[in-house]
Amino acid sequence: MIPTLPLSVSFKEAAQITSVSKTTLRRFAKDGRLRTVRFGRRRVIPFDALKELIRDGSTETRIAV
């Protein structure tokens, strides 16, 4: 079966998909909020990790009520 969504995307593609800057996405990857995978010298974002970032609202500050 061939997946209809890509298995991984570049930081540039992820920025276009999410409307979040590449710099912000790289910061999220560096501090552990966004999972990435390294292939040789290239670092990519698994598509499911990108969906998790959006679904979980990992960029939002949570305030206890």
C-alpha atoms as a PDB file:
ATOM      1  CA  MET A   1       0.000   0.000   0.000  1.00  0.00           C
ATOM      2  CA  ILE A   2       1.334   3.434  -0.924  1.00  0.00           C
ATOM      3  CA  PRO A   3       0.682   6.125   1.703  1.00  0.00           C
ATOM      4  CA  THR A   4      -1.329   9.148   0.566  1.00  0.00           C
ATOM      5  CA  LEU A   5       0.587  11.471   2.893  1.00  0.00           C
ATOM      6  CA  PRO A   6       4.376  11.820   2.882  1.00  0.00           C
ATOM      7  CA  LEU A   7       6.299   9.827   5.475  1.00  0.00           C
ATOM      8  CA  SER A   8       8.461  12.842   6.256  1.00  0.00           C
ATOM      9  CA  VAL A   9       8.839  16.479   5.252  1.00  0.00           C
ATOM     10  CA  SER A  10      11.658  18.994   5.204  1.00  0.00           C
ATOM     11  CA  PHE A  11      11.676  21.991   7.521  1.00  0.00           C
ATOM     12  CA  LYS A  12      10.766  24.166   4.530  1.00  0.00           C
ATOM     13  CA  GLU A  13       7.772  21.965   3.664  1.00  0.00           C
ATOM     14  CA  ALA A  14       6.719  21.810   7.318  1.00  0.00           C
ATOM     15  CA  ALA A  15       6.817  25.611   7.514  1.00  0.00           C
ATOM     16  CA  GLN A  16       4.558  25.864   4.463  1.00  0.00           C
ATOM     17  CA  ILE A  17       2.128  23.261   5.818  1.00  0.00           C
ATOM     18  CA  THR A  18       1.836  24.747   9.305  1.00  0.00           C
ATOM     19  CA  SER A  19       2.417  28.473   8.615  1.00  0.00           C
ATOM     20  CA  VAL A  20       5.095  28.357  11.323  1.00  0.00           C
ATOM     21  CA  SER A  21       8.553  29.657  10.447  1.00  0.00           C
ATOM     22  CA  LYS A  22      11.455  27.295   9.799  1.00  0.00           C
ATOM     23  CA  THR A  23      13.327  28.994  12.644  1.00  0.00           C
ATOM     24  CA  THR A  24      10.526  28.235  15.095  1.00  0.00           C
ATOM     25  CA  LEU A  25      10.271  24.627  13.906  1.00  0.00           C
ATOM     26  CA  ARG A  26      14.040  24.192  14.334  1.00  0.00           C
ATOM     27  CA  ARG A  27      13.783  25.634  17.854  1.00  0.00           C
ATOM     28  CA  PHE A  28      10.969  23.172  18.668  1.00  0.00           C
ATOM     29  CA  ALA A  29      13.145  20.326  17.368  1.00  0.00           C
ATOM     30  CA  LYS A  30      16.122  21.491  19.409  1.00  0.00           C
ATOM     31  CA  ASP A  31      14.168  21.728  22.671  1.00  0.00           C
ATOM     32  CA  GLY A  32      12.369  18.410  22.116  1.00  0.00           C
ATOM     33  CA  ARG A  33       8.876  19.632  21.240  1.00  0.00           C
ATOM     34  CA  LEU A  34       9.195  18.329  17.669  1.00  0.00           C
ATOM     35  CA  ARG A  35      10.598  14.909  16.840  1.00  0.00           C
ATOM     36  CA  THR A  36      12.980  14.714  13.874  1.00  0.00           C
ATOM     37  CA  VAL A  37      14.902  11.962  12.113  1.00  0.00           C
ATOM     38  CA  ARG A  38      18.384  12.168  10.626  1.00  0.00           C
ATOM     39  CA  PHE A  39      19.169  10.566   7.264  1.00  0.00           C
ATOM     40  CA  GLY A  40      22.855  11.049   6.591  1.00  0.00           C
ATOM     41  CA  ARG A  41      23.405  14.799   6.761  1.00  0.00           C
ATOM     42  CA  ARG A  42      19.729  15.628   6.284  1.00  0.00           C
ATOM     43  CA  ARG A  43      17.245  16.092   9.129  1.00  0.00           C
ATOM     44  CA  VAL A  44      13.551  15.596   8.332  1.00  0.00           C
ATOM     45  CA  ILE A  45      10.312  15.696  10.300  1.00  0.00           C
ATOM     46  CA  PRO A  46       8.155  12.564  10.310  1.00  0.00           C
ATOM     47  CA  PHE A  47       4.712  13.638   9.119  1.00  0.00           C
ATOM     48  CA  ASP A  48       3.052  12.083  12.168  1.00  0.00           C
ATOM     49  CA  ALA A  49       5.322  14.170  14.444  1.00  0.00           C
ATOM     50  CA  LEU A  50       4.142  17.297  12.651  1.00  0.00           C
ATOM     51  CA  LYS A  51       0.516  16.261  13.134  1.00  0.00           C
ATOM     52  CA  GLU A  52       1.204  15.600  16.840  1.00  0.00           C
ATOM     53  CA  LEU A  53       2.689  19.081  17.244  1.00  0.00           C
ATOM     54  CA  ILE A  54      -0.451  20.667  15.818  1.00  0.00           C
ATOM     55  CA  ARG A  55      -2.903  18.320  17.560  1.00  0.00           C
ATOM     56  CA  ASP A  56      -1.313  18.619  20.991  1.00  0.00           C
ATOM     57  CA  GLY A  57      -0.901  22.383  20.778  1.00  0.00           C
ATOM     58  CA  SER A  58       2.689  21.994  21.911  1.00  0.00           C
ATOM     59  CA  THR A  59       3.359  25.654  21.181  1.00  0.00           C
ATOM     60  CA  GLU A  60       0.667  26.948  23.527  1.00  0.00           C
ATOM     61  CA  THR A  61       1.311  27.977  27.095  1.00  0.00           C
ATOM     62  CA  ARG A  62      -1.060  26.062  29.331  1.00  0.00           C
ATOM     63  CA  ILE A  63      -2.559  27.854  32.290  1.00  0.00           C
ATOM     64  CA  ALA A  64      -4.161  25.922  35.138  1.00  0.00           C
ATOM     65  CA  VAL A  65      -7.621  27.176  36.023  1.00  0.00           C
END
